[in-house]
Protein backbone atom coordinates (compact mmCIF):
# COMPACT_ATOMS: atom_id res chain seq x y z
CA MET A 1 75.47 84.81 91.35
CA ALA A 2 78.06 82.85 93.33
CA ASN A 3 81.02 81.51 91.39
CA ARG A 4 80.86 77.91 90.27
CA LYS A 5 84.58 77.61 89.61
CA GLY A 6 87.69 79.03 91.21
CA THR A 7 91.48 78.81 90.96
CA GLY A 8 91.76 75.52 92.85
CA LEU A 9 90.74 72.00 91.94
CA MET A 10 90.61 68.73 93.86
CA LEU A 11 90.57 65.43 91.98
CA VAL A 12 89.87 62.16 93.78
CA GLY A 13 90.09 58.97 91.72
CA ALA A 14 89.86 55.27 92.55
CA ASP A 15 88.82 51.86 91.37
CA ILE A 16 86.37 50.22 93.80
CA PRO A 17 85.85 46.47 94.38
CA ALA A 18 82.68 45.27 92.65
CA ASP A 19 81.10 44.00 95.88
CA LYS A 20 81.48 47.43 97.51
CA GLU A 21 80.61 49.62 94.54
CA GLY A 22 76.90 49.91 95.26
CA ASP A 23 77.44 51.11 98.83
CA PHE A 24 80.26 53.40 97.67
CA ASN A 25 78.07 55.09 95.06
CA LYS A 26 75.20 55.48 97.50
CA TRP A 27 77.48 57.05 100.12
CA TYR A 28 79.00 59.46 97.63
CA GLN A 29 75.68 60.63 96.27
CA GLU A 30 73.59 60.67 99.43
CA GLU A 31 76.12 61.87 101.98
CA HIS A 32 79.64 62.74 100.87
CA LEU A 33 79.06 65.33 98.15
CA GLN A 34 76.62 67.24 100.35
CA GLU A 35 79.13 67.15 103.19
CA LEU A 36 81.95 68.62 101.11
CA LEU A 37 79.76 71.20 99.40
CA GLY A 38 78.97 72.48 102.88
CA VAL A 39 82.63 73.49 103.35
CA PRO A 40 83.11 77.22 102.63
CA GLY A 41 85.15 77.65 99.48
CA ILE A 42 84.10 74.41 97.80
CA LEU A 43 82.06 75.88 94.97
CA ASN A 44 80.85 72.91 92.94
CA ALA A 45 81.37 69.18 92.51
CA ALA A 46 80.46 66.27 90.28
CA ARG A 47 81.18 62.58 89.87
CA TYR A 48 82.54 61.05 86.67
CA GLU A 49 83.21 57.56 85.34
CA ALA A 50 86.05 56.67 83.01
CA THR A 51 85.34 55.95 79.37
CA LYS A 52 89.06 55.68 78.53
CA SER A 53 91.85 54.68 80.88
CA GLY A 54 91.03 55.30 84.53
CA PRO A 55 90.63 54.81 87.44
CA LYS A 56 86.91 54.25 86.96
CA HIS A 57 85.59 56.63 89.61
CA LEU A 58 86.51 60.31 89.70
CA ALA A 59 85.18 63.10 91.88
CA VAL A 60 85.99 66.69 90.88
CA TYR A 61 85.69 69.60 93.29
CA GLU A 62 86.01 73.23 92.24
CA LEU A 63 87.72 75.27 94.96
CA GLU A 64 87.69 79.01 95.43
CA SER A 65 91.45 78.60 95.92
CA VAL A 66 93.83 75.92 97.15
CA ASP A 67 93.73 77.60 100.58
CA VAL A 68 90.40 75.84 101.21
CA ILE A 69 92.21 72.63 102.18
CA ASP A 70 93.97 74.44 105.04
CA THR A 71 90.79 75.70 106.69
CA ASP A 72 89.42 74.18 109.88
CA ALA A 73 86.12 73.45 108.13
CA PHE A 74 87.93 71.23 105.64
CA LYS A 75 90.65 69.69 107.78
CA ASN A 76 88.57 68.94 110.85
CA ARG A 77 85.53 67.35 109.24
CA PRO A 78 84.60 64.27 111.26
CA ARG A 79 84.49 61.07 109.25
CA THR A 80 81.03 59.53 109.45
CA GLU A 81 80.47 55.86 110.20
CA TRP A 82 79.43 55.33 106.58
CA GLY A 83 82.49 57.11 105.29
CA SER A 84 84.75 55.06 107.55
CA ARG A 85 83.58 51.95 105.68
CA VAL A 86 83.62 53.07 102.05
CA SER A 87 85.94 56.07 101.59
CA PRO A 88 87.98 55.56 98.42
CA ASN A 89 91.32 55.94 100.21
CA LEU A 90 90.32 52.97 102.39
CA ILE A 91 88.79 50.53 99.91
CA GLY A 92 90.02 51.79 96.54
CA THR A 93 92.92 50.84 94.30
CA ASN A 94 94.69 53.12 91.80
CA PHE A 95 93.78 55.85 94.27
CA PHE A 96 94.86 59.45 93.87
CA ASN A 97 93.94 62.68 95.62
CA LEU A 98 95.31 65.80 93.95
CA VAL A 99 94.86 69.40 95.02
CA LEU A 100 95.81 71.71 92.19
CA ASP A 101 96.49 75.42 91.71
CA MET A 102 95.54 76.95 88.34
CA ILE A 103 98.49 78.12 86.23
CA HIS A 104 96.70 78.58 82.88
CA PRO A 105 94.90 80.81 82.38
CA THR A 106 96.74 82.96 84.89
CA SER A 107 93.56 84.49 86.34
CA LEU A 108 89.92 83.56 86.79
CA THR A 109 87.67 84.90 84.04
CA ASP A 110 83.93 85.46 84.30
CA GLY A 111 83.43 82.74 81.70
CA ILE A 112 85.23 80.20 83.84
CA ALA A 113 83.75 81.37 87.14
CA ASN A 114 80.18 81.16 85.87
CA SER A 115 80.44 77.81 84.07
CA ASP A 116 79.04 74.55 85.39
CA MET A 117 80.74 71.18 85.66
CA ALA A 118 81.51 69.88 82.17
CA PRO A 119 79.73 66.86 80.67
CA ALA A 120 83.10 65.17 80.07
CA LEU A 121 86.75 65.69 80.97
CA GLN A 122 90.08 64.67 79.52
CA ILE A 123 92.76 64.81 82.18
CA GLY A 124 96.49 64.46 81.78
CA ARG A 125 98.74 64.12 84.84
CA MET A 126 102.45 64.50 84.27
CA ASP A 127 105.93 65.30 85.54
CA VAL A 128 108.66 67.26 83.77
CA ALA A 129 112.32 67.62 84.69
CA PRO A 130 113.06 70.97 86.39
CA ASP A 131 115.45 72.12 83.67
CA ASP A 132 112.75 71.66 81.01
CA GLN A 133 109.85 73.26 82.84
CA GLY A 134 110.30 76.82 81.59
CA GLU A 135 110.16 75.97 77.89
CA TRP A 136 107.60 73.22 78.40
CA ASN A 137 105.17 75.41 80.36
CA GLU A 138 105.47 78.19 77.79
CA TRP A 139 104.67 75.75 74.98
CA TYR A 140 101.84 74.02 76.83
CA SER A 141 100.03 77.21 77.84
CA GLY A 142 100.89 79.24 74.74
CA VAL A 143 100.58 76.65 71.97
CA TYR A 144 99.20 73.25 72.92
CA VAL A 145 96.10 74.14 74.94
CA PRO A 146 95.06 77.11 72.74
CA ASN A 147 95.22 74.95 69.62
CA TYR A 148 93.10 72.21 71.16
CA GLU A 149 90.58 74.83 72.28
CA LYS A 150 89.88 75.48 68.58
CA CYS A 151 88.37 71.99 68.23
CA PRO A 152 84.58 71.59 68.12
CA GLY A 153 83.32 70.27 71.43
CA VAL A 154 86.16 71.68 73.55
CA ILE A 155 84.75 74.04 76.15
CA ARG A 156 88.15 75.04 77.54
CA GLY A 157 91.47 73.76 78.77
CA ARG A 158 93.01 74.65 82.11
CA ARG A 159 96.44 73.78 83.45
CA TRP A 160 97.37 73.12 87.05
CA LYS A 161 100.30 72.64 89.40
CA SER A 162 99.95 70.29 92.34
CA VAL A 163 100.07 71.57 95.91
CA ARG A 164 99.16 68.13 97.30
CA GLY A 165 99.74 64.80 95.65
CA GLU A 166 101.69 63.67 92.59
CA PRO A 167 102.55 64.18 89.77
CA GLN A 168 103.49 67.86 89.59
CA PHE A 169 101.26 69.01 86.74
CA ALA A 170 97.80 68.36 85.34
CA THR A 171 95.85 69.48 82.30
CA VAL A 172 92.05 69.34 82.35
CA TYR A 173 90.11 69.75 79.11
CA GLU A 174 86.38 70.30 79.52
CA PHE A 175 84.44 68.60 76.73
CA GLU A 176 80.85 68.67 75.52
CA ASN A 177 81.04 64.88 75.18
CA GLU A 178 83.51 62.09 75.78
CA ASN A 179 84.40 61.62 72.08
CA VAL A 180 85.94 65.03 71.34
CA SER A 181 89.55 63.82 71.36
CA GLU A 182 88.74 61.19 68.73
CA THR A 183 87.67 63.76 66.13
CA ASP A 184 89.69 64.54 63.01
CA GLU A 185 90.21 68.13 64.13
CA TRP A 186 91.63 67.10 67.49
CA LEU A 187 94.02 64.69 65.79
CA ARG A 188 95.03 67.41 63.32
CA GLN A 189 95.76 69.89 66.10
CA ARG A 190 97.82 67.28 67.93
CA GLU A 191 100.54 67.48 65.29
CA ILE A 192 99.96 70.96 63.88
CA HIS A 193 102.88 72.68 65.62
CA PRO A 194 106.49 71.63 64.97
CA ASP A 195 107.36 71.59 68.68
CA ASN A 196 104.53 69.30 69.74
CA GLY A 197 106.30 65.97 69.39
CA ARG A 198 109.48 67.13 71.11
CA MET A 199 107.59 68.75 73.98
CA ARG A 200 105.40 65.71 74.54
CA ASP A 201 108.50 63.53 74.72
CA ILE A 202 109.98 65.43 77.68
CA MET A 203 107.01 64.84 79.98
CA THR A 204 106.30 61.63 81.87
CA HIS A 205 102.64 60.69 82.31
CA ALA A 206 101.28 59.09 85.45
CA ALA A 207 99.73 55.65 85.16
CA GLY A 208 96.35 55.90 83.45
CA SER A 209 97.10 59.33 81.99
CA PRO A 210 95.60 60.79 79.93
CA GLY A 211 92.12 59.54 80.73
CA ILE A 212 88.60 60.52 79.75
CA TRP A 213 85.67 60.66 82.16
CA LYS A 214 81.94 61.23 81.61
CA LYS A 215 79.80 63.01 84.19
CA THR A 216 77.44 60.67 86.02
CA PHE A 217 76.15 62.65 89.00
CA GLN A 218 75.86 66.24 90.20
CA LEU A 219 73.75 67.74 92.93
């Protein structure tokens, strides 16, 4: 069976004007996702809508690796007439387009590779000063994510470093539903380690981060 996930991720988020939202959704679901899934190395994709923070619309693309964005098939795709009217980078606000390389776990497991797009996501996007990155990354990958993965409803957490777009780092938790991070166990794990507060204080979140999105469409 072909992999459904890889070591690269592309996140495209935007808020869309209300009078253009219907056409935008139709384009995404009838043309754009099919177009991108036809690019070799794009393994899977889904659309999500924010239930906490934002922007409202989020498209998530699983990439075999970040090298996909440098291929001719990806870079030289012609923009269709429909896309030239409603692409989120043209009509959206709070727009971001991040291409991310997986840093935790350090390799692709069968469990990750064979898993489908999650029903819900919590995504944090953040920067950290260079001098703090060694200790911070060790804590985040070795303590923070593993503790949250103990919570009921957490499928997994993966960490990423940006190769295109800002900020530098992202954390994506895959949830069974959009309410996982409101549970007592999640809140308990948030403060369970003595370094958690100090480590959280040295990172700077992007606007709207962290946010929670619920899956709304998948081919």
